[in-house]
Amino acid sequence: MARTIRHFLIHGRVQGVGFRAWAQDTAEGLGVEGWVRNRQSGEVEMVIVGEPQAVVAMREACHQGPSFAHVARIEERDAGEDELRLRGADRGFASLATV
């Protein structure tokens, strides 16, 4: 089955609530790879790759997020291998520095 690569920009109260650690644990549990990072503008940015149903499950999980988060909305679009390579590793899920 083909892999799906998606970019999420998550808006709301999503920084300072453990969102990156939660995203990493959730992604690993769902079997998706990619990366997550905070943006100085207040959003959490994520690129994920995996089987289509796992990517959908990750998106749905992100709407809830960790217990202290409040997700207002998620912007979503297709992403490419170039964005995925920002994680700096060939596999797995990484938490990147804030940009």
Foldseek 3Di string as FASTA:
>chain_A
DDKFKKKKKWDFQQPPQCQQVQLQVLCVVLVKAAEWEAEPVRIIITIIMDDVVSVVVSVVQSCCTDDVTHTPDMDMDGDDPVRRCVQVDPTGYYYDYYD
